[in-house]
């Protein structure tokens, strides 16, 4: 949820010219894996139902765009090197912006600059 409010602001400001989508992928900091202390409690997803339940935490933050689940084979996560989080801008089927891996290289302002043009 790093910079989530900034992402939601992008959706709010540019939803008339762009479609936004969040793909909920594998858990980066599962409590039964590589976890931070004082983090939310989410275990590694063993099935799609686990992933759906974990995504409910994100839905509580009121995303302003659709949220879909990655497959249990983690196809989106692996094809887009999305773990733990990453922004992409796709135009006419081509990737025109590939952000750095989050959380420290996750920069919604880069997407803003492109969409403002």
PDB file of N, CA and C in Angstrom:
ATOM      1  N   UNK A   1       0.821  -1.194   0.000  1.00  0.00           N
ATOM      2  CA  UNK A   1       0.000   0.000   0.000  1.00  0.00           C
ATOM      3  C   UNK A   1       0.863   1.256   0.000  1.00  0.00           C
ATOM      4  N   UNK A   2       2.104   1.091  -0.369  1.00  0.00           N
ATOM      5  CA  UNK A   2       3.048   2.190  -0.432  1.00  0.00           C
ATOM      6  C   UNK A   2       2.562   3.204  -1.463  1.00  0.00           C
ATOM      7  N   UNK A   3       2.375   4.445  -1.061  1.00  0.00           N
ATOM      8  CA  UNK A   3       1.916   5.526  -1.948  1.00  0.00           C
ATOM      9  C   UNK A   3       0.568   5.226  -2.595  1.00  0.00           C
ATOM     10  N   UNK A   4      -0.285   4.482  -1.903  1.00  0.00           N
ATOM     11  CA  UNK A   4      -1.567   4.106  -2.482  1.00  0.00           C
ATOM     12  C   UNK A   4      -2.458   5.313  -2.740  1.00  0.00           C
ATOM     13  N   UNK A   5      -2.431   6.287  -1.842  1.00  0.00           N
ATOM     14  CA  UNK A   5      -3.258   7.478  -2.050  1.00  0.00           C
ATOM     15  C   UNK A   5      -2.810   8.231  -3.302  1.00  0.00           C
ATOM     16  N   UNK A   6      -1.516   8.211  -3.573  1.00  0.00           N
ATOM     17  CA  UNK A   6      -1.002   8.867  -4.784  1.00  0.00           C
ATOM     18  C   UNK A   6      -1.479   8.125  -6.038  1.00  0.00           C
ATOM     19  N   UNK A   7      -1.516   6.807  -5.970  1.00  0.00           N
ATOM     20  CA  UNK A   7      -2.043   6.017  -7.084  1.00  0.00           C
ATOM     21  C   UNK A   7      -3.529   6.312  -7.286  1.00  0.00           C
ATOM     22  N   UNK A   8      -4.301   6.336  -6.207  1.00  0.00           N
ATOM     23  CA  UNK A   8      -5.729   6.625  -6.311  1.00  0.00           C
ATOM     24  C   UNK A   8      -5.969   8.008  -6.918  1.00  0.00           C
ATOM     25  N   UNK A   9      -5.099   8.961  -6.591  1.00  0.00           N
ATOM     26  CA  UNK A   9      -5.220  10.312  -7.157  1.00  0.00           C
ATOM     27  C   UNK A   9      -4.991  10.275  -8.674  1.00  0.00           C
ATOM     28  N   UNK A  10      -4.071   9.446  -9.130  1.00  0.00           N
ATOM     29  CA  UNK A  10      -3.861   9.266 -10.581  1.00  0.00           C
ATOM     30  C   UNK A  10      -5.140   8.774 -11.243  1.00  0.00           C
ATOM     31  N   UNK A  11      -5.743   7.759 -10.637  1.00  0.00           N
ATOM     32  CA  UNK A  11      -6.979   7.202 -11.185  1.00  0.00           C
ATOM     33  C   UNK A  11      -8.045   8.287 -11.246  1.00  0.00           C
ATOM     34  N   UNK A  12      -8.181   9.021 -10.190  1.00  0.00           N
ATOM     35  CA  UNK A  12      -9.187  10.091 -10.114  1.00  0.00           C
ATOM     36  C   UNK A  12      -8.940  11.150 -11.190  1.00  0.00           C
ATOM     37  N   UNK A  13      -7.685  11.551 -11.371  1.00  0.00           N
ATOM     38  CA  UNK A  13      -7.354  12.640 -12.294  1.00  0.00           C
ATOM     39  C   UNK A  13      -7.368  12.228 -13.766  1.00  0.00           C
ATOM     40  N   UNK A  14      -7.109  10.945 -14.058  1.00  0.00           N
ATOM     41  CA  UNK A  14      -6.925  10.548 -15.455  1.00  0.00           C
ATOM     42  C   UNK A  14      -7.851   9.431 -15.917  1.00  0.00           C
ATOM     43  N   UNK A  15      -8.884   9.095 -15.146  1.00  0.00           N
ATOM     44  CA  UNK A  15      -9.739   7.990 -15.559  1.00  0.00           C
ATOM     45  C   UNK A  15     -10.538   8.298 -16.827  1.00  0.00           C
ATOM     46  N   UNK A  16     -10.579   9.545 -17.246  1.00  0.00           N
ATOM     47  CA  UNK A  16     -11.281   9.873 -18.490  1.00  0.00           C
ATOM     48  C   UNK A  16     -10.426   9.568 -19.728  1.00  0.00           C
ATOM     49  N   UNK A  17      -9.112   9.416 -19.554  1.00  0.00           N
ATOM     50  CA  UNK A  17      -8.247   9.138 -20.707  1.00  0.00           C
ATOM     51  C   UNK A  17      -7.482   7.821 -20.591  1.00  0.00           C
ATOM     52  N   UNK A  18      -7.550   7.162 -19.432  1.00  0.00           N
ATOM     53  CA  UNK A  18      -6.809   5.917 -19.236  1.00  0.00           C
ATOM     54  C   UNK A  18      -7.632   4.949 -18.390  1.00  0.00           C
ATOM     55  N   UNK A  19      -7.426   3.670 -18.635  1.00  0.00           N
ATOM     56  CA  UNK A  19      -8.034   2.625 -17.818  1.00  0.00           C
ATOM     57  C   UNK A  19      -6.985   2.159 -16.821  1.00  0.00           C
ATOM     58  N   UNK A  20      -7.385   1.982 -15.596  1.00  0.00           N
ATOM     59  CA  UNK A  20      -6.480   1.554 -14.530  1.00  0.00           C
ATOM     60  C   UNK A  20      -6.905   0.188 -14.021  1.00  0.00           C
ATOM     61  N   UNK A  21      -5.930  -0.584 -13.595  1.00  0.00           N
ATOM     62  CA  UNK A  21      -6.185  -1.932 -13.095  1.00  0.00           C
ATOM     63  C   UNK A  21      -5.108  -2.273 -12.079  1.00  0.00           C
ATOM     64  N   UNK A  22      -5.520  -2.899 -10.994  1.00  0.00           N
ATOM     65  CA  UNK A  22      -4.584  -3.429 -10.010  1.00  0.00           C
ATOM     66  C   UNK A  22      -4.653  -4.948 -10.097  1.00  0.00           C
ATOM     67  N   UNK A  23      -3.489  -5.576 -10.238  1.00  0.00           N
ATOM     68  CA  UNK A  23      -3.424  -7.025 -10.212  1.00  0.00           C
ATOM     69  C   UNK A  23      -2.820  -7.424  -8.870  1.00  0.00           C
ATOM     70  N   UNK A  24      -3.614  -8.100  -8.059  1.00  0.00           N
ATOM     71  CA  UNK A  24      -3.135  -8.542  -6.750  1.00  0.00           C
ATOM     72  C   UNK A  24      -2.311  -9.797  -6.961  1.00  0.00           C
ATOM     73  N   UNK A  25      -1.015  -9.700  -6.650  1.00  0.00           N
ATOM     74  CA  UNK A  25      -0.093 -10.801  -6.903  1.00  0.00           C
ATOM     75  C   UNK A  25       0.259 -11.537  -5.617  1.00  0.00           C
ATOM     76  N   UNK A  26       1.233 -12.413  -5.700  1.00  0.00           N
ATOM     77  CA  UNK A  26       1.703 -13.154  -4.535  1.00  0.00           C
ATOM     78  C   UNK A  26       2.129 -12.194  -3.434  1.00  0.00           C
ATOM     79  N   UNK A  27       2.040 -12.643  -2.210  1.00  0.00           N
ATOM     80  CA  UNK A  27       2.352 -11.787  -1.060  1.00  0.00           C
ATOM     81  C   UNK A  27       3.860 -11.667  -0.881  1.00  0.00           C
ATOM     82  N   UNK A  28       4.364 -10.437  -0.884  1.00  0.00           N
ATOM     83  CA  UNK A  28       5.804 -10.199  -0.773  1.00  0.00           C
ATOM     84  C   UNK A  28       6.321 -10.407   0.641  1.00  0.00           C
ATOM     85  N   UNK A  29       5.502 -10.117   1.629  1.00  0.00           N
ATOM     86  CA  UNK A  29       5.952 -10.177   3.025  1.00  0.00           C
ATOM     87  C   UNK A  29       5.002 -11.019   3.869  1.00  0.00           C
ATOM     88  N   UNK A  30       4.809 -12.250   3.424  1.00  0.00           N
ATOM     89  CA  UNK A  30       3.907 -13.155   4.138  1.00  0.00           C
ATOM     90  C   UNK A  30       4.456 -13.456   5.527  1.00  0.00           C
ATOM     91  N   UNK A  31       3.539 -13.595   6.467  1.00  0.00           N
ATOM     92  CA  UNK A  31       3.956 -13.851   7.849  1.00  0.00           C
ATOM     93  C   UNK A  31       4.618 -15.219   8.001  1.00  0.00           C
ATOM     94  N   UNK A  32       4.361 -16.142   7.075  1.00  0.00           N
ATOM     95  CA  UNK A  32       5.037 -17.443   7.109  1.00  0.00           C
ATOM     96  C   UNK A  32       6.165 -17.495   6.081  1.00  0.00           C
ATOM     97  N   UNK A  33       6.660 -16.315   5.720  1.00  0.00           N
ATOM     98  CA  UNK A  33       7.770 -16.187   4.778  1.00  0.00           C
ATOM     99  C   UNK A  33       8.685 -15.070   5.239  1.00  0.00           C
ATOM    100  N   UNK A  34       9.019 -14.173   4.322  1.00  0.00           N
ATOM    101  CA  UNK A  34       9.908 -13.048   4.619  1.00  0.00           C
ATOM    102  C   UNK A  34       9.050 -11.870   5.064  1.00  0.00           C
ATOM    103  N   UNK A  35       8.829 -11.747   6.374  1.00  0.00           N
ATOM    104  CA  UNK A  35       7.873 -10.768   6.901  1.00  0.00           C
ATOM    105  C   UNK A  35       8.563  -9.643   7.661  1.00  0.00           C
ATOM    106  N   UNK A  36       7.892  -8.495   7.709  1.00  0.00           N
ATOM    107  CA  UNK A  36       8.293  -7.373   8.553  1.00  0.00           C
ATOM    108  C   UNK A  36       7.560  -7.490   9.878  1.00  0.00           C
ATOM    109  N   UNK A  37       8.146  -6.975  10.930  1.00  0.00           N
ATOM    110  CA  UNK A  37       7.424  -6.893  12.200  1.00  0.00           C
ATOM    111  C   UNK A  37       6.399  -5.764  12.091  1.00  0.00           C
ATOM    112  N   UNK A  38       5.311  -5.882  12.832  1.00  0.00           N
ATOM    113  CA  UNK A  38       4.244  -4.877  12.854  1.00  0.00           C
ATOM    114  C   UNK A  38       3.612  -4.663  11.481  1.00  0.00           C
ATOM    115  N   UNK A  39       3.631  -5.666  10.656  1.00  0.00           N
ATOM    116  CA  UNK A  39       3.008  -5.597   9.342  1.00  0.00           C
ATOM    117  C   UNK A  39       1.634  -6.270   9.433  1.00  0.00           C
ATOM    118  N   UNK A  40       0.828  -6.140   8.398  1.00  0.00           N
ATOM    119  CA  UNK A  40      -0.445  -6.842   8.383  1.00  0.00           C
ATOM    120  C   UNK A  40      -0.179  -8.347   8.317  1.00  0.00           C
ATOM    121  N   UNK A  41      -1.095  -9.134   8.824  1.00  0.00           N
ATOM    122  CA  UNK A  41      -0.911 -10.585   8.885  1.00  0.00           C
ATOM    123  C   UNK A  41      -1.549 -11.227   7.660  1.00  0.00           C
ATOM    124  N   UNK A  42      -0.699 -11.624   6.721  1.00  0.00           N
ATOM    125  CA  UNK A  42      -1.146 -12.340   5.528  1.00  0.00           C
ATOM    126  C   UNK A  42      -0.149 -13.470   5.302  1.00  0.00           C
ATOM    127  N   UNK A  43      -0.652 -14.692   5.224  1.00  0.00           N
ATOM    128  CA  UNK A  43       0.206 -15.848   4.959  1.00  0.00           C
ATOM    129  C   UNK A  43       0.358 -16.036   3.450  1.00  0.00           C
ATOM    130  N   UNK A  44       1.354 -16.830   3.069  1.00  0.00           N
ATOM    131  CA  UNK A  44       1.495 -17.178   1.653  1.00  0.00           C
ATOM    132  C   UNK A  44       0.188 -17.779   1.157  1.00  0.00           C
ATOM    133  N   UNK A  45      -0.187 -17.430  -0.059  1.00  0.00           N
ATOM    134  CA  UNK A  45      -1.442 -17.916  -0.628  1.00  0.00           C
ATOM    135  C   UNK A  45      -1.250 -19.351  -1.101  1.00  0.00           C
ATOM    136  N   UNK A  46      -2.059 -20.254  -0.584  1.00  0.00           N
ATOM    137  CA  UNK A  46      -1.979 -21.659  -0.997  1.00  0.00           C
ATOM    138  C   UNK A  46      -2.960 -21.962  -2.128  1.00  0.00           C
ATOM    139  N   UNK A  47      -3.961 -21.097  -2.272  1.00  0.00           N
ATOM    140  CA  UNK A  47      -4.961 -21.294  -3.323  1.00  0.00           C
ATOM    141  C   UNK A  47      -5.591 -19.939  -3.645  1.00  0.00           C
ATOM    142  N   UNK A  48      -6.421 -19.924  -4.662  1.00  0.00           N
ATOM    143  CA  UNK A  48      -7.036 -18.670  -5.103  1.00  0.00           C
ATOM    144  C   UNK A  48      -7.923 -18.065  -4.023  1.00  0.00           C
ATOM    145  N   UNK A  49      -8.542 -18.895  -3.218  1.00  0.00           N
ATOM    146  CA  UNK A  49      -9.382 -18.391  -2.117  1.00  0.00           C
ATOM    147  C   UNK A  49      -8.529 -17.613  -1.112  1.00  0.00           C
ATOM    148  N   UNK A  50      -7.311 -18.099  -0.806  1.00  0.00           N
ATOM    149  CA  UNK A  50      -6.393 -17.375   0.080  1.00  0.00           C
ATOM    150  C   UNK A  50      -6.023 -16.025  -0.519  1.00  0.00           C
ATOM    151  N   UNK A  51      -5.745 -16.008  -1.823  1.00  0.00           N
ATOM    152  CA  UNK A  51      -5.369 -14.764  -2.490  1.00  0.00           C
ATOM    153  C   UNK A  51      -6.531 -13.782  -2.473  1.00  0.00           C
ATOM    154  N   UNK A  52      -7.735 -14.295  -2.690  1.00  0.00           N
ATOM    155  CA  UNK A  52      -8.927 -13.444  -2.668  1.00  0.00           C
ATOM    156  C   UNK A  52      -9.125 -12.843  -1.276  1.00  0.00           C
ATOM    157  N   UNK A  53      -8.948 -13.663  -0.252  1.00  0.00           N
ATOM    158  CA  UNK A  53      -9.095 -13.191   1.122  1.00  0.00           C
ATOM    159  C   UNK A  53      -8.053 -12.107   1.423  1.00  0.00           C
ATOM    160  N   UNK A  54      -6.825 -12.310   0.981  1.00  0.00           N
ATOM    161  CA  UNK A  54      -5.768 -11.322   1.202  1.00  0.00           C
ATOM    162  C   UNK A  54      -6.070 -10.017   0.471  1.00  0.00           C
ATOM    163  N   UNK A  55      -6.635 -10.120  -0.713  1.00  0.00           N
ATOM    164  CA  UNK A  55      -6.967  -8.920  -1.495  1.00  0.00           C
ATOM    165  C   UNK A  55      -8.028  -8.072  -0.800  1.00  0.00           C
ATOM    166  N   UNK A  56      -8.791  -8.665   0.095  1.00  0.00           N
ATOM    167  CA  UNK A  56      -9.810  -7.904   0.827  1.00  0.00           C
ATOM    168  C   UNK A  56      -9.167  -6.766   1.623  1.00  0.00           C
ATOM    169  N   UNK A  57      -7.936  -6.958   2.093  1.00  0.00           N
ATOM    170  CA  UNK A  57      -7.219  -5.884   2.809  1.00  0.00           C
ATOM    171  C   UNK A  57      -7.025  -4.681   1.892  1.00  0.00           C
ATOM    172  N   UNK A  58      -6.685  -4.943   0.651  1.00  0.00           N
ATOM    173  CA  UNK A  58      -6.512  -3.866  -0.320  1.00  0.00           C
ATOM    174  C   UNK A  58      -7.847  -3.191  -0.609  1.00  0.00           C
ATOM    175  N   UNK A  59      -8.889  -3.961  -0.727  1.00  0.00           N
ATOM    176  CA  UNK A  59     -10.200  -3.388  -1.031  1.00  0.00           C
ATOM    177  C   UNK A  59     -10.679  -2.454   0.083  1.00  0.00           C
ATOM    178  N   UNK A  60     -10.224  -2.680   1.298  1.00  0.00           N
ATOM    179  CA  UNK A  60     -10.590  -1.789   2.412  1.00  0.00           C
ATOM    180  C   UNK A  60      -9.993  -0.391   2.233  1.00  0.00           C
ATOM    181  N   UNK A  61      -8.967  -0.265   1.392  1.00  0.00           N
ATOM    182  CA  UNK A  61      -8.341   1.030   1.118  1.00  0.00           C
ATOM    183  C   UNK A  61      -9.090   1.804   0.024  1.00  0.00           C
ATOM    184  N   UNK A  62     -10.175   1.230  -0.475  1.00  0.00           N
ATOM    185  CA  UNK A  62     -11.035   1.856  -1.489  1.00  0.00           C
ATOM    186  C   UNK A  62     -10.302   2.243  -2.772  1.00  0.00           C
ATOM    187  N   UNK A  63      -9.743   1.259  -3.464  1.00  0.00           N
ATOM    188  CA  UNK A  63      -9.121   1.575  -4.757  1.00  0.00           C
ATOM    189  C   UNK A  63     -10.176   2.107  -5.715  1.00  0.00           C
ATOM    190  N   UNK A  64      -9.777   3.051  -6.546  1.00  0.00           N
ATOM    191  CA  UNK A  64     -10.712   3.680  -7.477  1.00  0.00           C
ATOM    192  C   UNK A  64     -10.698   3.016  -8.845  1.00  0.00           C
ATOM    193  N   UNK A  65     -10.169   1.795  -8.908  1.00  0.00           N
ATOM    194  CA  UNK A  65     -10.142   1.039 -10.154  1.00  0.00           C
ATOM    195  C   UNK A  65     -10.367  -0.433  -9.827  1.00  0.00           C
ATOM    196  N   UNK A  66     -10.619  -1.253 -10.846  1.00  0.00           N
ATOM    197  CA  UNK A  66     -10.821  -2.682 -10.584  1.00  0.00           C
ATOM    198  C   UNK A  66      -9.565  -3.339 -10.005  1.00  0.00           C
ATOM    199  N   UNK A  67      -9.792  -4.341  -9.179  1.00  0.00           N
ATOM    200  CA  UNK A  67      -8.718  -5.167  -8.623  1.00  0.00           C
ATOM    201  C   UNK A  67      -8.992  -6.597  -9.075  1.00  0.00           C
ATOM    202  N   UNK A  68      -8.004  -7.217  -9.706  1.00  0.00           N
ATOM    203  CA  UNK A  68      -8.119  -8.605 -10.141  1.00  0.00           C
ATOM    204  C   UNK A  68      -7.009  -9.411  -9.473  1.00  0.00           C
ATOM    205  N   UNK A  69      -7.148 -10.722  -9.493  1.00  0.00           N
ATOM    206  CA  UNK A  69      -6.173 -11.599  -8.861  1.00  0.00           C
ATOM    207  C   UNK A  69      -5.271 -12.239  -9.906  1.00  0.00           C
ATOM    208  N   UNK A  70      -3.982 -12.308  -9.596  1.00  0.00           N
ATOM    209  CA  UNK A  70      -3.045 -13.063 -10.420  1.00  0.00           C
ATOM    210  C   UNK A  70      -3.392 -14.545 -10.289  1.00  0.00           C
ATOM    211  N   UNK A  71      -2.952 -15.345 -11.228  1.00  0.00           N
ATOM    212  CA  UNK A  71      -3.160 -16.786 -11.153  1.00  0.00           C
ATOM    213  C   UNK A  71      -2.296 -17.373 -10.036  1.00  0.00           C
ATOM    214  N   UNK A  72      -2.593 -18.554  -9.615  1.00  0.00           N
ATOM    215  CA  UNK A  72      -1.777 -19.208  -8.595  1.00  0.00           C
ATOM    216  C   UNK A  72      -0.419 -19.625  -9.154  1.00  0.00           C
ATOM    217  N   UNK A  73      -0.277 -19.622 -10.467  1.00  0.00           N
ATOM    218  CA  UNK A  73       1.037 -19.852 -11.092  1.00  0.00           C
ATOM    219  C   UNK A  73       1.840 -18.554 -11.141  1.00  0.00           C
ATOM    220  N   UNK A  74       1.238 -17.455 -10.653  1.00  0.00           N
ATOM    221  CA  UNK A  74       1.873 -16.130 -10.596  1.00  0.00           C
ATOM    222  C   UNK A  74       2.329 -15.633 -11.968  1.00  0.00           C
ATOM    223  N   UNK A  75       1.473 -15.827 -12.962  1.00  0.00           N
ATOM    224  CA  UNK A  75       1.831 -15.446 -14.327  1.00  0.00           C
ATOM    225  C   UNK A  75       2.081 -13.953 -14.483  1.00  0.00           C
ATOM    226  N   UNK A  76       1.208 -13.122 -13.940  1.00  0.00           N
ATOM    227  CA  UNK A  76       1.406 -11.669 -14.059  1.00  0.00           C
ATOM    228  C   UNK A  76       2.635 -11.226 -13.289  1.00  0.00           C
ATOM    229  N   UNK A  77       2.794 -11.752 -12.101  1.00  0.00           N
ATOM    230  CA  UNK A  77       3.939 -11.391 -11.275  1.00  0.00           C
ATOM    231  C   UNK A  77       5.253 -11.717 -11.978  1.00  0.00           C
ATOM    232  N   UNK A  78       5.340 -12.898 -12.574  1.00  0.00           N
ATOM    233  CA  UNK A  78       6.592 -13.288 -13.222  1.00  0.00           C
ATOM    234  C   UNK A  78       6.790 -12.595 -14.570  1.00  0.00           C
ATOM    235  N   UNK A  79       5.755 -12.476 -15.378  1.00  0.00           N
ATOM    236  CA  UNK A  79       5.904 -11.842 -16.697  1.00  0.00           C
ATOM    237  C   UNK A  79       6.221 -10.352 -16.596  1.00  0.00           C
ATOM    238  N   UNK A  80       5.715  -9.704 -15.546  1.00  0.00           N
ATOM    239  CA  UNK A  80       5.932  -8.268 -15.388  1.00  0.00           C
ATOM    240  C   UNK A  80       6.916  -7.937 -14.272  1.00  0.00           C
ATOM    241  N   UNK A  81       7.597  -8.938 -13.727  1.00  0.00           N
ATOM    242  CA  UNK A  81       8.562  -8.727 -12.639  1.00  0.00           C
ATOM    243  C   UNK A  81       7.970  -7.770 -11.607  1.00  0.00           C
ATOM    244  N   UNK A  82       6.784  -8.099 -11.154  1.00  0.00           N
ATOM    245  CA  UNK A  82       5.982  -7.174 -10.355  1.00  0.00           C
ATOM    246  C   UNK A  82       6.227  -7.248  -8.850  1.00  0.00           C
ATOM    247  N   UNK A  83       6.920  -8.262  -8.377  1.00  0.00           N
ATOM    248  CA  UNK A  83       7.094  -8.421  -6.932  1.00  0.00           C
ATOM    249  C   UNK A  83       8.120  -7.442  -6.396  1.00  0.00           C
ATOM    250  N   UNK A  84       7.865  -6.670  -5.351  1.00  0.00           N
ATOM    251  CA  UNK A  84       6.637  -6.652  -4.567  1.00  0.00           C
ATOM    252  C   UNK A  84       5.553  -5.760  -5.172  1.00  0.00           C
ATOM    253  N   UNK A  85       5.929  -4.760  -5.950  1.00  0.00           N
ATOM    254  CA  UNK A  85       4.942  -3.920  -6.641  1.00  0.00           C
ATOM    255  C   UNK A  85       5.642  -3.174  -7.753  1.00  0.00           C
ATOM    256  N   UNK A  86       4.899  -2.854  -8.814  1.00  0.00           N
ATOM    257  CA  UNK A  86       5.497  -2.169  -9.952  1.00  0.00           C
ATOM    258  C   UNK A  86       4.395  -1.519 -10.770  1.00  0.00           C
ATOM    259  N   UNK A  87       4.685  -0.366 -11.328  1.00  0.00           N
ATOM    260  CA  UNK A  87       3.751   0.346 -12.204  1.00  0.00           C
ATOM    261  C   UNK A  87       4.130   0.122 -13.671  1.00  0.00           C
ATOM    262  N   UNK A  88       3.118  -0.083 -14.481  1.00  0.00           N
ATOM    263  CA  UNK A  88       3.302  -0.176 -15.928  1.00  0.00           C
ATOM    264  C   UNK A  88       2.292   0.732 -16.604  1.00  0.00           C
ATOM    265  N   UNK A  89       2.678   1.272 -17.752  1.00  0.00           N
ATOM    266  CA  UNK A  89       1.746   1.995 -18.612  1.00  0.00           C
ATOM    267  C   UNK A  89       1.783   1.284 -19.956  1.00  0.00           C
ATOM    268  N   UNK A  90       0.632   0.785 -20.364  1.00  0.00           N
ATOM    269  CA  UNK A  90       0.513   0.044 -21.617  1.00  0.00           C
ATOM    270  C   UNK A  90      -0.375   0.864 -22.547  1.00  0.00           C
ATOM    271  N   UNK A  91       0.139   1.102 -23.747  1.00  0.00           N
ATOM    272  CA  UNK A  91      -0.631   1.866 -24.732  1.00  0.00           C
ATOM    273  C   UNK A  91      -0.677   1.062 -26.025  1.00  0.00           C
ATOM    274  N   UNK A  92      -1.886   0.801 -26.496  1.00  0.00           N
ATOM    275  CA  UNK A  92      -2.105   0.023 -27.717  1.00  0.00           C
ATOM    276  C   UNK A  92      -1.327  -1.290 -27.687  1.00  0.00           C
ATOM    277  N   UNK A  93      -1.354  -1.966 -26.536  1.00  0.00           N
ATOM    278  CA  UNK A  93      -0.733  -3.269 -26.411  1.00  0.00           C
ATOM    279  C   UNK A  93       0.771  -3.272 -26.197  1.00  0.00           C
ATOM    280  N   UNK A  94       1.388  -2.100 -26.106  1.00  0.00           N
ATOM    281  CA  UNK A  94       2.837  -2.017 -25.914  1.00  0.00           C
ATOM    282  C   UNK A  94       3.155  -1.328 -24.592  1.00  0.00           C
ATOM    283  N   UNK A  95       4.146  -1.842 -23.893  1.00  0.00           N
ATOM    284  CA  UNK A  95       4.593  -1.224 -22.652  1.00  0.00           C
ATOM    285  C   UNK A  95       5.353   0.052 -23.012  1.00  0.00           C
ATOM    286  N   UNK A  96       4.822   1.207 -22.571  1.00  0.00           N
ATOM    287  CA  UNK A  96       5.484   2.487 -22.826  1.00  0.00           C
ATOM    288  C   UNK A  96       6.168   3.030 -21.575  1.00  0.00           C
ATOM    289  N   UNK A  97       5.870   2.416 -20.430  1.00  0.00           N
ATOM    290  CA  UNK A  97       6.555   2.777 -19.189  1.00  0.00           C
ATOM    291  C   UNK A  97       6.601   1.551 -18.296  1.00  0.00           C
ATOM    292  N   UNK A  98       7.801   1.251 -17.808  1.00  0.00           N
ATOM    293  CA  UNK A  98       7.996   0.173 -16.841  1.00  0.00           C
ATOM    294  C   UNK A  98       8.683   0.800 -15.645  1.00  0.00           C
ATOM    295  N   UNK A  99       7.946   0.920 -14.557  1.00  0.00           N
ATOM    296  CA  UNK A  99       8.508   1.511 -13.350  1.00  0.00           C
ATOM    297  C   UNK A  99       9.471   0.563 -12.665  1.00  0.00           C
ATOM    298  N   UNK A 100      10.215   1.110 -11.730  1.00  0.00           N
ATOM    299  CA  UNK A 100      11.126   0.296 -10.943  1.00  0.00           C
ATOM    300  C   UNK A 100      10.362  -0.514  -9.914  1.00  0.00           C
ATOM    301  N   UNK A 101      11.039  -1.507  -9.377  1.00  0.00           N
ATOM    302  CA  UNK A 101      10.419  -2.351  -8.355  1.00  0.00           C
ATOM    303  C   UNK A 101      10.186  -1.537  -7.088  1.00  0.00           C
ATOM    304  N   UNK A 102       9.009  -1.684  -6.525  1.00  0.00           N
ATOM    305  CA  UNK A 102       8.678  -0.981  -5.293  1.00  0.00           C
ATOM    306  C   UNK A 102       9.292  -1.662  -4.101  1.00  0.00           C
ATOM    307  N   UNK A 103       9.196  -1.074  -2.974  1.00  0.00           N
ATOM    308  CA  UNK A 103       8.501   0.189  -2.751  1.00  0.00           C
ATOM    309  C   UNK A 103       9.338   1.424  -3.053  1.00  0.00           C
ATOM    310  N   UNK A 104      10.664   1.321  -3.027  1.00  0.00           N
ATOM    311  CA  UNK A 104      11.469   2.541  -3.156  1.00  0.00           C
ATOM    312  C   UNK A 104      11.548   3.078  -4.574  1.00  0.00           C
ATOM    313  N   UNK A 105      11.360   2.247  -5.577  1.00  0.00           N
ATOM    314  CA  UNK A 105      11.406   2.721  -6.964  1.00  0.00           C
ATOM    315  C   UNK A 105      10.019   2.766  -7.596  1.00  0.00           C
ATOM    316  N   UNK A 106       9.008   2.899  -6.752  1.00  0.00           N
ATOM    317  CA  UNK A 106       7.613   2.984  -7.178  1.00  0.00           C
ATOM    318  C   UNK A 106       7.253   4.459  -7.207  1.00  0.00           C
ATOM    319  N   UNK A 107       7.089   5.025  -8.432  1.00  0.00           N
ATOM    320  CA  UNK A 107       6.910   6.465  -8.571  1.00  0.00           C
ATOM    321  C   UNK A 107       5.679   6.807  -9.414  1.00  0.00           C
ATOM    322  N   UNK A 108       4.514   6.913  -8.782  1.00  0.00           N
ATOM    323  CA  UNK A 108       3.309   7.290  -9.527  1.00  0.00           C
ATOM    324  C   UNK A 108       3.458   8.616 -10.265  1.00  0.00           C
ATOM    325  N   UNK A 109       4.322   9.513  -9.771  1.00  0.00           N
ATOM    326  CA  UNK A 109       4.497  10.797 -10.450  1.00  0.00           C
ATOM    327  C   UNK A 109       5.056  10.629 -11.870  1.00  0.00           C
ATOM    328  N   UNK A 110       5.776   9.529 -12.133  1.00  0.00           N
ATOM    329  CA  UNK A 110       6.264   9.266 -13.490  1.00  0.00           C
ATOM    330  C   UNK A 110       5.095   9.011 -14.434  1.00  0.00           C
ATOM    331  N   UNK A 111       4.122   8.247 -13.978  1.00  0.00           N
ATOM    332  CA  UNK A 111       2.917   7.985 -14.775  1.00  0.00           C
ATOM    333  C   UNK A 111       2.152   9.291 -14.979  1.00  0.00           C
ATOM    334  N   UNK A 112       2.046  10.086 -13.934  1.00  0.00           N
ATOM    335  CA  UNK A 112       1.365  11.391 -14.028  1.00  0.00           C
ATOM    336  C   UNK A 112       1.979  12.240 -15.131  1.00  0.00           C
ATOM    337  N   UNK A 113       3.296  12.319 -15.169  1.00  0.00           N
ATOM    338  CA  UNK A 113       3.984  13.148 -16.165  1.00  0.00           C
ATOM    339  C   UNK A 113       3.670  12.673 -17.591  1.00  0.00           C
ATOM    340  N   UNK A 114       3.625  11.367 -17.787  1.00  0.00           N
ATOM    341  CA  UNK A 114       3.306  10.831 -19.106  1.00  0.00           C
ATOM    342  C   UNK A 114       1.861  11.121 -19.478  1.00  0.00           C
ATOM    343  N   UNK A 115       0.936  10.899 -18.553  1.00  0.00           N
ATOM    344  CA  UNK A 115      -0.482  11.108 -18.854  1.00  0.00           C
ATOM    345  C   UNK A 115      -0.815  12.585 -19.045  1.00  0.00           C
ATOM    346  N   UNK A 116      -0.074  13.464 -18.410  1.00  0.00           N
ATOM    347  CA  UNK A 116      -0.318  14.895 -18.603  1.00  0.00           C
ATOM    348  C   UNK A 116       0.009  15.344 -20.025  1.00  0.00           C
ATOM    349  N   UNK A 117       0.918  14.642 -20.678  1.00  0.00           N
ATOM    350  CA  UNK A 117       1.267  14.967 -22.074  1.00  0.00           C
ATOM    351  C   UNK A 117       0.146  14.571 -22.988  1.00  0.00           C
TER     352      UNK A 117
END
